[in-house]
Amino acid sequence: YTRSTLDLSSVAILKEVTHLPVIVDPSHG
């Protein structure tokens, strides 16, 4: 139904395991 499956769980995981900024692209997502 959507172009991709936007994996927002990855954002929560990345914010926990890395110090780097994390942004989301909901347009392609």
PDB file of all heavy atoms in Angstrom:
ATOM      1  N   TYR A   1       0.829  -1.207   0.000  1.00  0.00           N
ATOM      2  CA  TYR A   1       0.000   0.000   0.000  1.00  0.00           C
ATOM      3  C   TYR A   1       0.864   1.257   0.000  1.00  0.00           C
ATOM      4  O   TYR A   1       0.549   2.238  -0.649  1.00  0.00           O
ATOM      5  CB  TYR A   1      -0.942   0.007   1.208  1.00  0.00           C
ATOM      6  CG  TYR A   1      -1.830   1.233   1.259  1.00  0.00           C
ATOM      7  CD1 TYR A   1      -2.911   1.362   0.389  1.00  0.00           C
ATOM      8  CD2 TYR A   1      -1.579   2.267   2.153  1.00  0.00           C
ATOM      9  CE1 TYR A   1      -3.711   2.492   0.426  1.00  0.00           C
ATOM     10  CE2 TYR A   1      -2.370   3.400   2.190  1.00  0.00           C
ATOM     11  CZ  TYR A   1      -3.442   3.505   1.324  1.00  0.00           C
ATOM     12  OH  TYR A   1      -4.229   4.625   1.347  1.00  0.00           O
ATOM     13  N   THR A   2       1.965   1.199   0.744  1.00  0.00           N
ATOM     14  CA  THR A   2       2.891   2.334   0.784  1.00  0.00           C
ATOM     15  C   THR A   2       4.139   2.002  -0.027  1.00  0.00           C
ATOM     16  O   THR A   2       4.437   0.837  -0.284  1.00  0.00           O
ATOM     17  CB  THR A   2       3.302   2.663   2.231  1.00  0.00           C
ATOM     18  OG1 THR A   2       3.764   1.471   2.864  1.00  0.00           O
ATOM     19  CG2 THR A   2       2.132   3.234   3.016  1.00  0.00           C
ATOM     20  N   ARG A   3       4.863   3.048  -0.412  1.00  0.00           N
ATOM     21  CA  ARG A   3       6.080   2.867  -1.213  1.00  0.00           C
ATOM     22  C   ARG A   3       7.108   2.026  -0.469  1.00  0.00           C
ATOM     23  O   ARG A   3       7.764   1.156  -1.029  1.00  0.00           O
ATOM     24  CB  ARG A   3       6.660   4.249  -1.560  1.00  0.00           C
ATOM     25  CG  ARG A   3       7.951   4.212  -2.346  1.00  0.00           C
ATOM     26  CD  ARG A   3       8.346   5.619  -2.772  1.00  0.00           C
ATOM     27  NE  ARG A   3       9.627   5.615  -3.478  1.00  0.00           N
ATOM     28  CZ  ARG A   3      10.150   6.681  -4.081  1.00  0.00           C
ATOM     29  NH1 ARG A   3       9.495   7.823  -4.061  1.00  0.00           N
ATOM     30  NH2 ARG A   3      11.311   6.595  -4.697  1.00  0.00           N
ATOM     31  N   SER A   4       7.287   2.316   0.818  1.00  0.00           N
ATOM     32  CA  SER A   4       8.150   1.536   1.708  1.00  0.00           C
ATOM     33  C   SER A   4       7.401   1.354   3.017  1.00  0.00           C
ATOM     34  O   SER A   4       6.307   1.889   3.203  1.00  0.00           O
ATOM     35  CB  SER A   4       9.471   2.270   1.972  1.00  0.00           C
ATOM     36  OG  SER A   4      10.158   2.530   0.769  1.00  0.00           O
ATOM     37  N   THR A   5       7.980   0.580   3.927  1.00  0.00           N
ATOM     38  CA  THR A   5       7.442   0.493   5.285  1.00  0.00           C
ATOM     39  C   THR A   5       8.341   1.326   6.176  1.00  0.00           C
ATOM     40  O   THR A   5       9.524   1.024   6.332  1.00  0.00           O
ATOM     41  CB  THR A   5       7.407  -0.963   5.769  1.00  0.00           C
ATOM     42  OG1 THR A   5       6.549  -1.723   4.913  1.00  0.00           O
ATOM     43  CG2 THR A   5       6.897  -1.047   7.194  1.00  0.00           C
ATOM     44  N   LEU A   6       7.793   2.404   6.721  1.00  0.00           N
ATOM     45  CA  LEU A   6       8.598   3.323   7.530  1.00  0.00           C
ATOM     46  C   LEU A   6       8.864   2.693   8.892  1.00  0.00           C
ATOM     47  O   LEU A   6       7.964   2.557   9.715  1.00  0.00           O
ATOM     48  CB  LEU A   6       7.875   4.661   7.680  1.00  0.00           C
ATOM     49  CG  LEU A   6       8.677   5.786   8.322  1.00  0.00           C
ATOM     50  CD1 LEU A   6       9.969   6.051   7.565  1.00  0.00           C
ATOM     51  CD2 LEU A   6       7.849   7.070   8.379  1.00  0.00           C
ATOM     52  N   ASP A   7      10.107   2.311   9.121  1.00  0.00           N
ATOM     53  CA  ASP A   7      10.498   1.568  10.319  1.00  0.00           C
ATOM     54  C   ASP A   7      10.852   2.536  11.443  1.00  0.00           C
ATOM     55  O   ASP A   7      12.034   2.828  11.680  1.00  0.00           O
ATOM     56  CB  ASP A   7      11.681   0.654   9.986  1.00  0.00           C
ATOM     57  CG  ASP A   7      12.132  -0.184  11.169  1.00  0.00           C
ATOM     58  OD1 ASP A   7      11.378  -0.258  12.154  1.00  0.00           O
ATOM     59  OD2 ASP A   7      13.236  -0.750  11.103  1.00  0.00           O
ATOM     60  N   LEU A   8       9.845   3.010  12.151  1.00  0.00           N
ATOM     61  CA  LEU A   8      10.101   3.969  13.230  1.00  0.00           C
ATOM     62  C   LEU A   8      10.705   3.302  14.457  1.00  0.00           C
ATOM     63  O   LEU A   8      11.291   3.984  15.308  1.00  0.00           O
ATOM     64  CB  LEU A   8       8.815   4.711  13.608  1.00  0.00           C
ATOM     65  CG  LEU A   8       8.273   5.671  12.543  1.00  0.00           C
ATOM     66  CD1 LEU A   8       7.070   6.431  13.080  1.00  0.00           C
ATOM     67  CD2 LEU A   8       9.345   6.652  12.075  1.00  0.00           C
ATOM     68  N   SER A   9      10.603   1.982  14.558  1.00  0.00           N
ATOM     69  CA  SER A   9      11.280   1.308  15.671  1.00  0.00           C
ATOM     70  C   SER A   9      12.794   1.506  15.571  1.00  0.00           C
ATOM     71  O   SER A   9      13.490   1.556  16.590  1.00  0.00           O
ATOM     72  CB  SER A   9      10.946  -0.186  15.673  1.00  0.00           C
ATOM     73  OG  SER A   9      11.473  -0.832  14.528  1.00  0.00           O
ATOM     74  N   SER A  10      13.295   1.643  14.343  1.00  0.00           N
ATOM     75  CA  SER A  10      14.734   1.843  14.168  1.00  0.00           C
ATOM     76  C   SER A  10      15.185   3.161  14.786  1.00  0.00           C
ATOM     77  O   SER A  10      16.311   3.276  15.264  1.00  0.00           O
ATOM     78  CB  SER A  10      15.106   1.819  12.678  1.00  0.00           C
ATOM     79  OG  SER A  10      14.710   3.014  12.027  1.00  0.00           O
ATOM     80  N   VAL A  11      14.308   4.167  14.771  1.00  0.00           N
ATOM     81  CA  VAL A  11      14.660   5.472  15.347  1.00  0.00           C
ATOM     82  C   VAL A  11      14.876   5.337  16.850  1.00  0.00           C
ATOM     83  O   VAL A  11      15.873   5.815  17.400  1.00  0.00           O
ATOM     84  CB  VAL A  11      13.562   6.524  15.048  1.00  0.00           C
ATOM     85  CG1 VAL A  11      13.927   7.869  15.670  1.00  0.00           C
ATOM     86  CG2 VAL A  11      13.358   6.665  13.545  1.00  0.00           C
ATOM     87  N   ALA A  12      13.932   4.661  17.514  1.00  0.00           N
ATOM     88  CA  ALA A  12      14.059   4.459  18.966  1.00  0.00           C
ATOM     89  C   ALA A  12      15.305   3.649  19.303  1.00  0.00           C
ATOM     90  O   ALA A  12      16.017   3.953  20.263  1.00  0.00           O
ATOM     91  CB  ALA A  12      12.805   3.763  19.492  1.00  0.00           C
ATOM     92  N   ILE A  13      15.591   2.634  18.483  1.00  0.00           N
ATOM     93  CA  ILE A  13      16.784   1.806  18.717  1.00  0.00           C
ATOM     94  C   ILE A  13      18.051   2.634  18.504  1.00  0.00           C
ATOM     95  O   ILE A  13      18.976   2.614  19.329  1.00  0.00           O
ATOM     96  CB  ILE A  13      16.775   0.576  17.781  1.00  0.00           C
ATOM     97  CG1 ILE A  13      15.635  -0.361  18.146  1.00  0.00           C
ATOM     98  CG2 ILE A  13      18.113  -0.168  17.856  1.00  0.00           C
ATOM     99  CD1 ILE A  13      15.358  -1.427  17.115  1.00  0.00           C
ATOM    100  N   LEU A  14      18.098   3.376  17.398  1.00  0.00           N
ATOM    101  CA  LEU A  14      19.289   4.181  17.097  1.00  0.00           C
ATOM    102  C   LEU A  14      19.543   5.242  18.169  1.00  0.00           C
ATOM    103  O   LEU A  14      20.696   5.494  18.541  1.00  0.00           O
ATOM    104  CB  LEU A  14      19.150   4.831  15.722  1.00  0.00           C
ATOM    105  CG  LEU A  14      19.319   3.891  14.523  1.00  0.00           C
ATOM    106  CD1 LEU A  14      18.861   4.567  13.236  1.00  0.00           C
ATOM    107  CD2 LEU A  14      20.769   3.434  14.390  1.00  0.00           C
ATOM    108  N   LYS A  15      18.478   5.864  18.657  1.00  0.00           N
ATOM    109  CA  LYS A  15      18.649   6.887  19.691  1.00  0.00           C
ATOM    110  C   LYS A  15      19.236   6.285  20.971  1.00  0.00           C
ATOM    111  O   LYS A  15      19.893   6.972  21.736  1.00  0.00           O
ATOM    112  CB  LYS A  15      17.312   7.572  20.003  1.00  0.00           C
ATOM    113  CG  LYS A  15      16.802   8.460  18.887  1.00  0.00           C
ATOM    114  CD  LYS A  15      17.749   9.594  18.540  1.00  0.00           C
ATOM    115  CE  LYS A  15      17.887  10.597  19.649  1.00  0.00           C
ATOM    116  NZ  LYS A  15      18.792  11.723  19.280  1.00  0.00           N
ATOM    117  N   GLU A  16      18.997   4.983  21.159  1.00  0.00           N
ATOM    118  CA  GLU A  16      19.538   4.309  22.341  1.00  0.00           C
ATOM    119  C   GLU A  16      20.982   3.887  22.129  1.00  0.00           C
ATOM    120  O   GLU A  16      21.807   4.014  23.037  1.00  0.00           O
ATOM    121  CB  GLU A  16      18.684   3.091  22.681  1.00  0.00           C
ATOM    122  CG  GLU A  16      19.161   2.340  23.916  1.00  0.00           C
ATOM    123  CD  GLU A  16      18.282   1.149  24.255  1.00  0.00           C
ATOM    124  OE1 GLU A  16      17.146   1.085  23.752  1.00  0.00           O
ATOM    125  OE2 GLU A  16      18.739   0.282  25.015  1.00  0.00           O
ATOM    126  N   VAL A  17      21.307   3.370  20.943  1.00  0.00           N
ATOM    127  CA  VAL A  17      22.626   2.753  20.765  1.00  0.00           C
ATOM    128  C   VAL A  17      23.677   3.680  20.165  1.00  0.00           C
ATOM    129  O   VAL A  17      24.873   3.403  20.265  1.00  0.00           O
ATOM    130  CB  VAL A  17      22.538   1.476  19.900  1.00  0.00           C
ATOM    131  CG1 VAL A  17      21.597   0.467  20.529  1.00  0.00           C
ATOM    132  CG2 VAL A  17      22.121   1.790  18.471  1.00  0.00           C
ATOM    133  N   THR A  18      23.268   4.810  19.558  1.00  0.00           N
ATOM    134  CA  THR A  18      24.254   5.714  18.973  1.00  0.00           C
ATOM    135  C   THR A  18      24.043   7.144  19.453  1.00  0.00           C
ATOM    136  O   THR A  18      22.936   7.526  19.832  1.00  0.00           O
ATOM    137  CB  THR A  18      24.205   5.668  17.424  1.00  0.00           C
ATOM    138  OG1 THR A  18      25.206   6.548  16.892  1.00  0.00           O
ATOM    139  CG2 THR A  18      22.851   6.116  16.892  1.00  0.00           C
ATOM    140  N   HIS A  19      25.119   7.898  19.436  1.00  0.00           N
ATOM    141  CA  HIS A  19      25.082   9.302  19.845  1.00  0.00           C
ATOM    142  C   HIS A  19      24.793  10.232  18.667  1.00  0.00           C
ATOM    143  O   HIS A  19      24.609  11.433  18.847  1.00  0.00           O
ATOM    144  CB  HIS A  19      26.427   9.695  20.459  1.00  0.00           C
ATOM    145  CG  HIS A  19      27.602   9.435  19.556  1.00  0.00           C
ATOM    146  ND1 HIS A  19      28.092  10.378  18.688  1.00  0.00           N
ATOM    147  CD2 HIS A  19      28.361   8.319  19.374  1.00  0.00           C
ATOM    148  CE1 HIS A  19      29.112   9.860  18.006  1.00  0.00           C
ATOM    149  NE2 HIS A  19      29.292   8.606  18.400  1.00  0.00           N
ATOM    150  N   LEU A  20      24.756   9.692  17.450  1.00  0.00           N
ATOM    151  CA  LEU A  20      24.576  10.519  16.259  1.00  0.00           C
ATOM    152  C   LEU A  20      23.126  10.982  16.121  1.00  0.00           C
ATOM    153  O   LEU A  20      22.201  10.270  16.528  1.00  0.00           O
ATOM    154  CB  LEU A  20      24.972   9.726  15.010  1.00  0.00           C
ATOM    155  CG  LEU A  20      26.429   9.251  14.953  1.00  0.00           C
ATOM    156  CD1 LEU A  20      26.635   8.335  13.758  1.00  0.00           C
ATOM    157  CD2 LEU A  20      27.387  10.450  14.881  1.00  0.00           C
ATOM    158  N   PRO A  21      22.892  12.164  15.529  1.00  0.00           N
ATOM    159  CA  PRO A  21      21.515  12.603  15.278  1.00  0.00           C
ATOM    160  C   PRO A  21      20.799  11.645  14.328  1.00  0.00           C
ATOM    161  O   PRO A  21      21.422  11.067  13.431  1.00  0.00           O
ATOM    162  CB  PRO A  21      21.689  13.981  14.633  1.00  0.00           C
ATOM    163  CG  PRO A  21      23.080  14.406  14.964  1.00  0.00           C
ATOM    164  CD  PRO A  21      23.890  13.159  15.087  1.00  0.00           C
ATOM    165  N   VAL A  22      19.499  11.491  14.545  1.00  0.00           N
ATOM    166  CA  VAL A  22      18.684  10.597  13.712  1.00  0.00           C
ATOM    167  C   VAL A  22      17.480  11.365  13.198  1.00  0.00           C
ATOM    168  O   VAL A  22      16.718  11.928  13.994  1.00  0.00           O
ATOM    169  CB  VAL A  22      18.193   9.370  14.515  1.00  0.00           C
ATOM    170  CG1 VAL A  22      17.393   8.438  13.615  1.00  0.00           C
ATOM    171  CG2 VAL A  22      19.366   8.637  15.149  1.00  0.00           C
ATOM    172  N   ILE A  23      17.314  11.400  11.874  1.00  0.00           N
ATOM    173  CA  ILE A  23      16.132  12.041  11.310  1.00  0.00           C
ATOM    174  C   ILE A  23      15.359  11.028  10.468  1.00  0.00           C
ATOM    175  O   ILE A  23      15.848   9.946  10.164  1.00  0.00           O
ATOM    176  CB  ILE A  23      16.488  13.292  10.484  1.00  0.00           C
ATOM    177  CG1 ILE A  23      17.166  12.909   9.172  1.00  0.00           C
ATOM    178  CG2 ILE A  23      17.344  14.263  11.271  1.00  0.00           C
ATOM    179  CD1 ILE A  23      17.194  14.074   8.203  1.00  0.00           C
ATOM    180  N   VAL A  24      14.130  11.387  10.092  1.00  0.00           N
ATOM    181  CA  VAL A  24      13.241  10.490   9.369  1.00  0.00           C
ATOM    182  C   VAL A  24      12.782  11.137   8.071  1.00  0.00           C
ATOM    183  O   VAL A  24      12.509  12.340   8.027  1.00  0.00           O
ATOM    184  CB  VAL A  24      12.013  10.123  10.240  1.00  0.00           C
ATOM    185  CG1 VAL A  24      11.008   9.284   9.449  1.00  0.00           C
ATOM    186  CG2 VAL A  24      12.452   9.377  11.492  1.00  0.00           C
ATOM    187  N   ASP A  25      12.706  10.324   7.027  1.00  0.00           N
ATOM    188  CA  ASP A  25      12.192  10.770   5.730  1.00  0.00           C
ATOM    189  C   ASP A  25      10.835  10.095   5.491  1.00  0.00           C
ATOM    190  O   ASP A  25      10.771   8.998   4.924  1.00  0.00           O
ATOM    191  CB  ASP A  25      13.186  10.384   4.622  1.00  0.00           C
ATOM    192  CG  ASP A  25      12.691  10.726   3.224  1.00  0.00           C
ATOM    193  OD1 ASP A  25      11.551  11.202   3.099  1.00  0.00           O
ATOM    194  OD2 ASP A  25      13.441  10.507   2.257  1.00  0.00           O
ATOM    195  N   PRO A  26       9.735  10.727   5.929  1.00  0.00           N
ATOM    196  CA  PRO A  26       8.419  10.107   5.734  1.00  0.00           C
ATOM    197  C   PRO A  26       7.937  10.183   4.292  1.00  0.00           C
ATOM    198  O   PRO A  26       6.994   9.482   3.923  1.00  0.00           O
ATOM    199  CB  PRO A  26       7.516  10.920   6.670  1.00  0.00           C
ATOM    200  CG  PRO A  26       8.171  12.257   6.765  1.00  0.00           C
ATOM    201  CD  PRO A  26       9.648  12.004   6.651  1.00  0.00           C
ATOM    202  N   SER A  27       8.570  11.021   3.472  1.00  0.00           N
ATOM    203  CA  SER A  27       8.170  11.129   2.063  1.00  0.00           C
ATOM    204  C   SER A  27       8.484   9.834   1.325  1.00  0.00           C
ATOM    205  O   SER A  27       7.613   9.213   0.709  1.00  0.00           O
ATOM    206  CB  SER A  27       8.877  12.320   1.401  1.00  0.00           C
ATOM    207  OG  SER A  27       8.559  13.530   2.059  1.00  0.00           O
ATOM    208  N   HIS A  28       9.756   9.390   1.389  1.00  0.00           N
ATOM    209  CA  HIS A  28      10.129   8.124   0.765  1.00  0.00           C
ATOM    210  C   HIS A  28       9.638   6.942   1.594  1.00  0.00           C
ATOM    211  O   HIS A  28       9.403   5.860   1.058  1.00  0.00           O
ATOM    212  CB  HIS A  28      11.641   8.038   0.580  1.00  0.00           C
ATOM    213  CG  HIS A  28      12.152   8.888  -0.534  1.00  0.00           C
ATOM    214  ND1 HIS A  28      12.534  10.201  -0.355  1.00  0.00           N
ATOM    215  CD2 HIS A  28      12.319   8.624  -1.854  1.00  0.00           C
ATOM    216  CE1 HIS A  28      12.918  10.703  -1.517  1.00  0.00           C
ATOM    217  NE2 HIS A  28      12.794   9.776  -2.441  1.00  0.00           N
ATOM    218  N   GLY A  29       9.496   7.160   2.885  1.00  0.00           N
ATOM    219  CA  GLY A  29       9.071   6.081   3.766  1.00  0.00           C
ATOM    220  C   GLY A  29       7.643   5.640   3.553  1.00  0.00           C
ATOM    221  O   GLY A  29       7.272   4.515   3.901  1.00  0.00           O
TER     222      GLY A  29
END
